[in-house]
Every structure is written in C-alpha cells, then in structure tokens.
Amino acid sequence: MGRLYFDPNLSTLCDPIPEQEFIIRNAEYGVDDTFQPPFMIADRGECPFVQKVRNMEEAGVAMGIVVDNSDEDISDIVMSDDGTGAGIRIPSLLISKKDG
C-alpha cells in the first residue's frame, strides 16, 4: 500500500506544499535517499476540496484523503468540483472524522 503523510502544520492543505515539508528524509533509518509517500491526508475546511486535492497532486502524491471536520454522516456529502477541477488526475476521497 504505502505510507501516509500528514503534517499538522499544513493540515488543511489550502496552500501549496513546500517541497522540503513533504519529502521525507530517511537518514534516521540509515538510508540516504528520499521518497514521497503515495497517500496524503488533509483536514476538511477553509478551502474547497478541489484546491486541497490539486495541492496534493502537485506535491506528487498518488491519492488524496480528506478527513471530515465534524461528526456527521458523510454518506450524503459529495466532494464536488467547484469549477476549477479540470485536469486533476489523482483519486481522492472523504472519510469520517471518526475514521480519520
């Protein structure tokens, strides 16, 4: 599957992700290379879903996961396109606050 990436300082992902914040350095494991985790998590809120997912895609992840910010039934929530989503190629999904 792969590793998840979440940074509480960048939790909403409403701004582009600085490369140095995202690339994980493996020096602590005795490995000299870097890698980009294939899955990234963002908290819901403060900007549209599309903006979050676009920022994830531009950072190089393969899939975006958005965690709901309230205790509600997410089965009725649609991560809709706000009109700026053309060209996004990675899948994304919304999960409940409890699951997140």
Protein backbone atom coordinates (compact mmCIF):
# COMPACT_ATOMS: atom_id res chain seq x y z
CA MET A 1 0.00 0.00 0.00
CA GLY A 2 2.42 2.70 1.08
CA ARG A 3 2.88 5.38 3.70
CA LEU A 4 0.54 8.16 4.67
CA TYR A 5 1.68 11.75 5.05
CA PHE A 6 0.04 14.22 7.40
CA ASP A 7 1.56 17.38 8.78
CA PRO A 8 -0.47 19.17 11.47
CA ASN A 9 1.18 22.46 10.43
CA LEU A 10 -0.20 22.01 6.90
CA SER A 11 -3.38 20.24 7.95
CA THR A 12 -5.90 21.93 5.65
CA LEU A 13 -3.60 21.94 2.58
CA CYS A 14 -5.15 25.17 1.32
CA ASP A 15 -1.72 26.40 0.24
CA PRO A 16 0.83 24.65 -1.97
CA ILE A 17 3.02 22.23 -0.07
CA PRO A 18 6.65 23.32 0.29
CA GLU A 19 8.82 20.53 -1.12
CA GLN A 20 11.07 20.40 1.92
CA GLU A 21 7.99 19.85 4.09
CA PHE A 22 6.79 16.89 2.07
CA ILE A 23 9.83 14.87 1.08
CA ILE A 24 10.66 12.52 3.91
CA ARG A 25 14.30 12.00 4.58
CA ASN A 26 15.32 8.51 5.62
CA ALA A 27 18.57 9.40 7.37
CA GLU A 28 17.18 8.25 10.70
CA TYR A 29 16.81 4.78 9.17
CA GLY A 30 20.31 4.72 7.73
CA VAL A 31 19.09 5.28 4.18
CA ASP A 32 20.43 8.19 2.15
CA ASP A 33 17.55 8.56 -0.28
CA THR A 34 14.29 10.47 -0.05
CA PHE A 35 10.81 9.41 -1.02
CA GLN A 36 7.36 10.83 -1.44
CA PRO A 37 4.55 8.98 0.31
CA PRO A 38 1.81 7.94 -2.10
CA PHE A 39 -1.06 8.99 0.20
CA MET A 40 -1.64 12.37 1.80
CA ILE A 41 -4.22 13.38 4.40
CA ALA A 42 -5.83 16.80 4.78
CA ASP A 43 -8.41 18.12 7.20
CA ARG A 44 -11.67 19.34 5.70
CA GLY A 45 -12.45 23.07 5.81
CA GLU A 46 -11.08 26.53 4.99
CA CYS A 47 -10.95 25.94 1.21
CA PRO A 48 -12.63 23.81 -1.48
CA PHE A 49 -11.94 20.08 -1.85
CA VAL A 50 -10.54 20.74 -5.33
CA GLN A 51 -7.88 23.10 -4.01
CA LYS A 52 -6.73 20.54 -1.43
CA VAL A 53 -6.55 17.72 -3.97
CA ARG A 54 -4.75 19.89 -6.53
CA ASN A 55 -2.13 20.82 -3.92
CA MET A 56 -1.69 17.12 -3.12
CA GLU A 57 -1.34 16.21 -6.77
CA GLU A 58 1.19 18.97 -7.42
CA ALA A 59 3.22 17.62 -4.49
CA GLY A 60 3.38 14.26 -6.26
CA VAL A 61 1.08 12.02 -4.25
CA ALA A 62 -0.96 9.27 -5.86
CA MET A 63 -4.12 9.70 -3.77
CA GLY A 64 -5.66 12.36 -1.55
CA ILE A 65 -7.66 11.68 1.60
CA VAL A 66 -9.76 14.40 3.25
CA VAL A 67 -10.90 13.89 6.85
CA ASP A 68 -14.26 15.43 7.76
CA ASN A 69 -14.08 18.16 10.39
CA SER A 70 -17.36 17.36 12.13
CA ASP A 71 -19.19 14.31 13.43
CA GLU A 72 -21.73 13.80 10.68
CA ASP A 73 -22.87 11.10 8.30
CA ILE A 74 -20.58 11.56 5.29
CA SER A 75 -22.63 9.27 3.07
CA ASP A 76 -24.62 12.32 1.91
CA ILE A 77 -21.59 14.57 1.28
CA VAL A 78 -20.27 14.88 -2.25
CA MET A 79 -16.73 16.10 -2.87
CA SER A 80 -17.90 18.20 -5.77
CA ASP A 81 -15.96 20.14 -8.34
CA ASP A 82 -16.11 23.88 -7.71
CA GLY A 83 -15.50 24.57 -11.39
CA THR A 84 -11.70 24.50 -11.13
CA GLY A 85 -11.17 20.74 -11.02
CA ALA A 86 -10.45 20.14 -14.69
CA GLY A 87 -7.19 18.31 -15.13
CA ILE A 88 -6.95 16.70 -11.70
CA ARG A 89 -5.77 13.14 -12.27
CA ILE A 90 -5.44 11.61 -8.80
CA PRO A 91 -8.29 9.94 -6.94
CA SER A 92 -9.48 11.42 -3.69
CA LEU A 93 -11.95 10.51 -1.01
CA LEU A 94 -13.62 11.88 2.08
CA ILE A 95 -13.57 9.86 5.29
CA SER A 96 -15.42 10.49 8.52
CA LYS A 97 -13.92 12.35 11.46
CA LYS A 98 -14.08 9.13 13.48
CA ASP A 99 -12.17 7.16 10.83
CA GLY A 100 -9.69 9.96 10.36
